[in-house]
Protein backbone atom coordinates (compact mmCIF):
# COMPACT_ATOMS: atom_id res chain seq x y z
CA MET A 1 6.62 -0.02 19.58
CA LYS A 2 7.95 2.12 22.36
CA ASN A 3 11.62 1.89 21.51
CA ALA A 4 13.34 1.50 18.14
CA ASP A 5 16.12 -0.42 19.91
CA THR A 6 13.70 -3.22 20.77
CA LEU A 7 14.29 -6.03 18.30
CA TRP A 8 12.69 -9.45 18.11
CA GLY A 9 13.40 -11.53 21.18
CA ARG A 10 11.79 -13.65 23.83
CA SER A 11 9.41 -10.88 24.94
CA CYS A 12 8.11 -10.49 21.37
CA GLU A 13 7.52 -14.23 21.14
CA GLU A 14 5.66 -14.15 24.45
CA LYS A 15 3.48 -11.28 23.19
CA PHE A 16 2.77 -13.27 20.02
CA PHE A 17 1.55 -16.29 21.97
CA VAL A 18 -0.44 -14.26 24.53
CA ARG A 19 -2.20 -12.19 21.84
CA SER A 20 -2.82 -15.20 19.61
CA LEU A 21 -4.34 -17.17 22.50
CA GLU A 22 -6.94 -14.40 22.77
CA ILE A 23 -8.28 -15.32 19.32
CA THR A 24 -7.53 -19.02 18.77
CA ALA A 25 -7.18 -22.36 20.53
CA ALA A 26 -3.86 -23.38 22.07
CA GLU A 27 -3.79 -26.51 19.88
CA LYS A 28 -3.36 -24.29 16.81
CA LEU A 29 -0.29 -22.61 18.29
CA PHE A 30 1.48 -25.34 20.22
CA TYR A 31 2.62 -28.91 19.64
CA ASN A 32 0.95 -31.53 21.85
CA VAL A 33 3.67 -33.84 23.13
CA ASP A 34 2.80 -36.39 25.80
CA LYS A 35 -0.17 -34.26 26.90
CA HIS A 36 2.04 -31.15 27.21
CA LEU A 37 1.76 -28.15 24.93
CA ILE A 38 5.12 -26.85 23.71
CA ALA A 39 5.97 -23.97 21.39
CA TYR A 40 9.09 -25.52 19.83
CA TRP A 41 10.58 -28.98 19.53
CA PRO A 42 13.32 -29.38 22.14
CA LYS A 43 16.76 -30.09 20.67
CA SER A 44 16.86 -33.23 22.79
CA TYR A 45 13.55 -34.57 21.38
CA GLU A 46 14.19 -37.84 19.54
CA GLY A 47 10.70 -38.68 18.29
CA ALA A 48 9.15 -37.76 14.95
CA THR A 49 8.59 -34.03 14.50
CA SER A 50 6.38 -31.99 12.21
CA THR A 51 5.86 -28.36 11.30
CA LEU A 52 2.80 -26.72 12.79
CA GLN A 53 1.20 -25.00 9.78
CA SER A 54 -1.86 -23.74 11.66
CA ARG A 55 0.01 -20.89 13.33
CA ASN A 56 1.53 -19.46 10.11
CA ALA A 57 -1.31 -16.96 9.54
CA TYR A 58 -1.10 -15.76 13.15
CA ILE A 59 2.69 -15.36 12.90
CA GLY A 60 2.34 -13.51 9.61
CA ASN A 61 -0.23 -11.04 11.00
CA PHE A 62 1.74 -10.45 14.18
CA THR A 63 5.10 -9.93 12.45
CA GLU A 64 3.60 -7.59 9.84
CA LYS A 65 2.28 -5.38 12.64
CA TRP A 66 5.57 -5.67 14.52
CA VAL A 67 7.64 -4.69 11.46
CA THR A 68 5.27 -1.81 10.68
CA GLU A 69 5.67 -0.47 14.24
CA LEU A 70 9.46 -0.91 14.14
CA ILE A 71 9.80 0.92 10.82
CA SER A 72 7.37 3.65 11.94
CA SER A 73 9.51 4.33 14.99
CA VAL A 74 12.50 5.38 12.84
CA LEU A 75 10.81 7.14 9.90
CA PRO A 76 10.77 10.91 9.54
CA LYS A 77 7.40 12.54 10.26
CA ASN A 78 6.57 12.97 6.57
CA LEU A 79 6.64 9.20 5.86
CA TYR A 80 4.36 6.40 7.05
CA ALA A 81 4.79 2.65 7.42
CA ILE A 82 1.48 0.99 6.54
CA SER A 83 0.55 -2.69 6.46
CA GLY A 84 -1.95 -4.33 4.11
CA VAL A 85 -1.70 -1.77 1.31
CA GLU A 86 -3.53 -2.25 -1.98
CA CYS A 87 -2.17 -0.81 -5.23
CA VAL A 88 -4.18 -1.75 -8.32
CA ASP A 89 -1.52 -0.63 -10.82
CA LEU A 90 0.96 -3.11 -9.24
CA GLY A 91 -1.58 -5.92 -8.82
CA LEU A 92 -1.71 -5.59 -5.03
CA THR A 93 -5.32 -6.38 -4.14
CA SER A 94 -7.12 -7.06 -0.87
CA GLN A 95 -6.41 -10.77 -1.45
CA SER A 96 -2.69 -10.10 -2.01
CA ALA A 97 -1.85 -6.77 -0.40
CA ALA A 98 1.67 -5.51 0.31
CA ASP A 99 2.87 -6.57 3.74
CA VAL A 100 4.42 -3.17 4.56
CA VAL A 101 4.65 0.04 2.52
CA ILE A 102 6.63 3.19 3.23
CA SER A 103 4.67 6.08 1.78
CA LYS A 104 4.08 9.82 1.88
CA VAL A 105 0.33 9.14 2.31
CA ASN A 106 -1.19 7.28 5.28
CA SER A 107 -3.74 5.17 3.38
CA LYS A 108 -4.37 1.48 2.70
CA LYS A 109 -5.17 2.27 -0.95
CA GLN A 110 -2.17 3.67 -2.81
CA SER A 111 -0.88 4.64 -6.22
CA SER A 112 2.57 3.35 -7.17
CA LYS A 113 3.60 6.97 -7.74
CA ILE A 114 3.36 7.96 -4.08
CA PHE A 115 5.09 5.26 -2.08
CA TRP A 116 8.78 4.71 -1.63
CA LEU A 117 9.06 1.02 -0.86
CA PHE A 118 6.83 -2.00 -0.47
CA LEU A 119 7.58 -5.36 1.13
CA LYS A 120 5.65 -8.39 0.02
């Protein structure tokens, strides 16, 4: 993240879709309506709608990285924002790691005694 003043907006959403299209099919990210792919249901749409569950993992991964970069941009130099942290003494494993941790140590494997905050 180049600028701490940059918060989530249209450009972040565009980056999400562009980066996600590099690793998955458009049908997993967009709704198919009358042979058109759309990201969101238009307010004027009157047909039946559904929630597209297949993009949840991609959104989760992208936003975790985005939040980590945002937090990193405002932390003092002696603290790190790290995503995907494991901490055995808190039950945070590779299958259920912390989304973002603020810590004194830049490592994916942590002890609960060395980090300041974790977001799950």
